[in-house]
Amino acid sequence: MTPKELLYLEDSLGMERQLQTKCTDYAGKVQNPSLKNMLTGLAQEHQTHFDSLMKQL
């Protein structure tokens, strides 16, 4: 893997982690059950993306 590819992967990992954290945080703050479920699902998707990217290392 080239240094540029590693930097891209690092940026992608950081973004996925940030999105997962924000979705989890917002899911804990909202009262609407359907919105809470949607945010929880998005958090799980971003965790899956993060895990997939980690496998590239």
C-alpha atoms as a PDB file:
ATOM      1  CA  MET A   1       0.000   0.000   0.000  1.00  0.00           C
ATOM      2  CA  THR A   2       1.361   3.413  -0.925  1.00  0.00           C
ATOM      3  CA  PRO A   3       1.771   6.212   1.614  1.00  0.00           C
ATOM      4  CA  LYS A   4      -1.021   8.136  -0.113  1.00  0.00           C
ATOM      5  CA  GLU A   5      -3.358   5.151   0.170  1.00  0.00           C
ATOM      6  CA  LEU A   6      -2.522   4.819   3.857  1.00  0.00           C
ATOM      7  CA  LEU A   7      -3.352   8.493   4.412  1.00  0.00           C
ATOM      8  CA  TYR A   8      -6.660   8.046   2.613  1.00  0.00           C
ATOM      9  CA  LEU A   9      -7.442   5.010   4.729  1.00  0.00           C
ATOM     10  CA  GLU A  10      -6.543   6.895   7.906  1.00  0.00           C
ATOM     11  CA  ASP A  11      -8.846   9.775   6.933  1.00  0.00           C
ATOM     12  CA  SER A  12     -11.663   7.363   6.100  1.00  0.00           C
ATOM     13  CA  LEU A  13     -11.272   5.552   9.422  1.00  0.00           C
ATOM     14  CA  GLY A  14     -11.407   8.860  11.288  1.00  0.00           C
ATOM     15  CA  MET A  15     -14.532   9.962   9.459  1.00  0.00           C
ATOM     16  CA  GLU A  16     -16.321   6.652  10.017  1.00  0.00           C
ATOM     17  CA  ARG A  17     -15.431   6.727  13.716  1.00  0.00           C
ATOM     18  CA  GLN A  18     -16.654  10.319  14.025  1.00  0.00           C
ATOM     19  CA  LEU A  19     -19.934   9.565  12.236  1.00  0.00           C
ATOM     20  CA  GLN A  20     -20.518   6.472  14.361  1.00  0.00           C
ATOM     21  CA  THR A  21     -19.884   8.464  17.544  1.00  0.00           C
ATOM     22  CA  LYS A  22     -22.170  11.322  16.510  1.00  0.00           C
ATOM     23  CA  CYS A  23     -25.019   9.015  15.498  1.00  0.00           C
ATOM     24  CA  THR A  24     -24.739   7.146  18.803  1.00  0.00           C
ATOM     25  CA  ASP A  25     -24.669  10.421  20.732  1.00  0.00           C
ATOM     26  CA  TYR A  26     -27.682  11.862  18.911  1.00  0.00           C
ATOM     27  CA  ALA A  27     -29.602   8.589  19.284  1.00  0.00           C
ATOM     28  CA  GLY A  28     -29.168   8.930  23.027  1.00  0.00           C
ATOM     29  CA  LYS A  29     -30.565  12.457  23.004  1.00  0.00           C
ATOM     30  CA  VAL A  30     -33.670  12.216  20.827  1.00  0.00           C
ATOM     31  CA  GLN A  31     -37.089  11.256  22.161  1.00  0.00           C
ATOM     32  CA  ASN A  32     -38.699  10.162  18.892  1.00  0.00           C
ATOM     33  CA  PRO A  33     -38.446   6.339  18.739  1.00  0.00           C
ATOM     34  CA  SER A  34     -38.298   6.137  14.934  1.00  0.00           C
ATOM     35  CA  LEU A  35     -35.544   8.753  14.785  1.00  0.00           C
ATOM     36  CA  LYS A  36     -33.694   6.954  17.584  1.00  0.00           C
ATOM     37  CA  ASN A  37     -33.905   3.671  15.638  1.00  0.00           C
ATOM     38  CA  MET A  38     -32.703   5.332  12.443  1.00  0.00           C
ATOM     39  CA  LEU A  39     -29.707   6.904  14.197  1.00  0.00           C
ATOM     40  CA  THR A  40     -28.866   3.637  15.933  1.00  0.00           C
ATOM     41  CA  GLY A  41     -28.957   1.857  12.576  1.00  0.00           C
ATOM     42  CA  LEU A  42     -26.714   4.499  11.024  1.00  0.00           C
ATOM     43  CA  ALA A  43     -24.263   4.158  13.914  1.00  0.00           C
ATOM     44  CA  GLN A  44     -24.128   0.397  13.300  1.00  0.00           C
ATOM     45  CA  GLU A  45     -23.548   0.951   9.578  1.00  0.00           C
ATOM     46  CA  HIS A  46     -20.655   3.304  10.266  1.00  0.00           C
ATOM     47  CA  GLN A  47     -19.185   0.777  12.704  1.00  0.00           C
ATOM     48  CA  THR A  48     -19.426  -1.866   9.976  1.00  0.00           C
ATOM     49  CA  HIS A  49     -17.690   0.469   7.513  1.00  0.00           C
ATOM     50  CA  PHE A  50     -14.974   1.167  10.089  1.00  0.00           C
ATOM     51  CA  ASP A  51     -14.450  -2.550  10.691  1.00  0.00           C
ATOM     52  CA  SER A  52     -14.227  -3.196   6.943  1.00  0.00           C
ATOM     53  CA  LEU A  53     -11.620  -0.486   6.535  1.00  0.00           C
ATOM     54  CA  MET A  54      -9.611  -1.868   9.449  1.00  0.00           C
ATOM     55  CA  LYS A  55      -9.416  -5.224   7.690  1.00  0.00           C
ATOM     56  CA  GLN A  56      -7.501  -3.478   4.908  1.00  0.00           C
ATOM     57  CA  LEU A  57      -4.604  -2.837   7.280  1.00  0.00           C
END
